[in-house]
Amino acid sequence: MTVSLPLVVVLGCFAWGAVKFLGVRPWIVVLIALFGFWLSHTFLAPAIESGTRSGVSVTNGTHD
């Protein structure tokens, strides 16, 4: 059985859990999200995308 969830939903669940159970302040979650958007527009974006794709392929067991 394969379940396909958008990454935003998964990260949202982690953020909600961090705020609810770990006591992380909501402004810190917002700050991290904004930093991620900023980072995606820098020269590091191709390296982050490549690392994410290879990590997903290793996790799924599908190697290109």
C-alpha atoms as a PDB file:
ATOM      1  CA  MET A   1       0.000   0.000   0.000  1.00  0.00           C
ATOM      2  CA  THR A   2       1.453   3.334  -1.076  1.00  0.00           C
ATOM      3  CA  VAL A   3       0.382   6.577   0.520  1.00  0.00           C
ATOM      4  CA  SER A   4       1.295   9.821  -1.188  1.00  0.00           C
ATOM      5  CA  LEU A   5       1.305  12.944   0.975  1.00  0.00           C
ATOM      6  CA  PRO A   6       2.609  16.368   0.056  1.00  0.00           C
ATOM      7  CA  LEU A   7       5.739  17.339   1.947  1.00  0.00           C
ATOM      8  CA  VAL A   8       3.971  20.437   3.259  1.00  0.00           C
ATOM      9  CA  VAL A   9       1.402  18.251   5.057  1.00  0.00           C
ATOM     10  CA  VAL A  10       4.100  16.102   6.658  1.00  0.00           C
ATOM     11  CA  LEU A  11       6.123  19.134   7.760  1.00  0.00           C
ATOM     12  CA  GLY A  12       2.961  20.799   9.040  1.00  0.00           C
ATOM     13  CA  CYS A  13       2.224  17.768  11.209  1.00  0.00           C
ATOM     14  CA  PHE A  14       5.761  17.835  12.593  1.00  0.00           C
ATOM     15  CA  ALA A  15       5.484  21.559  13.293  1.00  0.00           C
ATOM     16  CA  TRP A  16       2.116  21.118  15.028  1.00  0.00           C
ATOM     17  CA  GLY A  17       3.561  18.287  17.138  1.00  0.00           C
ATOM     18  CA  ALA A  18       6.605  20.363  18.048  1.00  0.00           C
ATOM     19  CA  VAL A  19       4.443  23.278  19.164  1.00  0.00           C
ATOM     20  CA  LYS A  20       1.906  21.098  20.987  1.00  0.00           C
ATOM     21  CA  PHE A  21       4.137  18.532  22.718  1.00  0.00           C
ATOM     22  CA  LEU A  22       7.671  19.945  22.797  1.00  0.00           C
ATOM     23  CA  GLY A  23       6.794  23.517  23.697  1.00  0.00           C
ATOM     24  CA  VAL A  24       8.399  25.082  20.640  1.00  0.00           C
ATOM     25  CA  ARG A  25       7.189  28.630  20.201  1.00  0.00           C
ATOM     26  CA  PRO A  26       5.089  29.253  17.065  1.00  0.00           C
ATOM     27  CA  TRP A  27       7.247  32.207  15.994  1.00  0.00           C
ATOM     28  CA  ILE A  28      10.240  29.871  15.793  1.00  0.00           C
ATOM     29  CA  VAL A  29       8.300  27.579  13.436  1.00  0.00           C
ATOM     30  CA  VAL A  30       7.409  30.572  11.258  1.00  0.00           C
ATOM     31  CA  LEU A  31      11.008  31.789  11.291  1.00  0.00           C
ATOM     32  CA  ILE A  32      12.318  28.372  10.195  1.00  0.00           C
ATOM     33  CA  ALA A  33       9.732  28.203   7.385  1.00  0.00           C
ATOM     34  CA  LEU A  34      10.652  31.687   6.150  1.00  0.00           C
ATOM     35  CA  PHE A  35      14.349  30.809   6.281  1.00  0.00           C
ATOM     36  CA  GLY A  36      13.611  27.722   4.169  1.00  0.00           C
ATOM     37  CA  PHE A  37      11.879  29.831   1.524  1.00  0.00           C
ATOM     38  CA  TRP A  38      14.791  32.260   1.520  1.00  0.00           C
ATOM     39  CA  LEU A  39      17.304  29.417   1.250  1.00  0.00           C
ATOM     40  CA  SER A  40      15.467  27.949  -1.735  1.00  0.00           C
ATOM     41  CA  HIS A  41      16.303  31.111  -3.723  1.00  0.00           C
ATOM     42  CA  THR A  42      20.057  30.984  -3.097  1.00  0.00           C
ATOM     43  CA  PHE A  43      22.868  29.169  -4.866  1.00  0.00           C
ATOM     44  CA  LEU A  44      22.429  26.259  -2.428  1.00  0.00           C
ATOM     45  CA  ALA A  45      19.040  25.271  -3.879  1.00  0.00           C
ATOM     46  CA  PRO A  46      20.388  22.752  -6.470  1.00  0.00           C
ATOM     47  CA  ALA A  47      22.467  20.993  -3.817  1.00  0.00           C
ATOM     48  CA  ILE A  48      19.500  20.827  -1.436  1.00  0.00           C
ATOM     49  CA  GLU A  49      17.242  19.451  -4.180  1.00  0.00           C
ATOM     50  CA  SER A  50      19.814  16.843  -5.216  1.00  0.00           C
ATOM     51  CA  GLY A  51      20.324  15.742  -1.611  1.00  0.00           C
ATOM     52  CA  THR A  52      16.592  15.536  -1.012  1.00  0.00           C
ATOM     53  CA  ARG A  53      16.011  13.465  -4.160  1.00  0.00           C
ATOM     54  CA  SER A  54      18.814  11.046  -3.329  1.00  0.00           C
ATOM     55  CA  GLY A  55      17.578  10.711   0.258  1.00  0.00           C
ATOM     56  CA  VAL A  56      14.065   9.922  -0.933  1.00  0.00           C
ATOM     57  CA  SER A  57      15.360   7.347  -3.414  1.00  0.00           C
ATOM     58  CA  VAL A  58      17.431   5.660  -0.695  1.00  0.00           C
ATOM     59  CA  THR A  59      14.447   5.642   1.649  1.00  0.00           C
ATOM     60  CA  ASN A  60      12.145   4.227  -1.028  1.00  0.00           C
ATOM     61  CA  GLY A  61      14.738   1.705  -2.200  1.00  0.00           C
ATOM     62  CA  THR A  62      14.689   2.969  -5.792  1.00  0.00           C
ATOM     63  CA  HIS A  63      18.106   3.856  -7.108  1.00  0.00           C
ATOM     64  CA  ASP A  64      18.457   5.574 -10.472  1.00  0.00           C
END
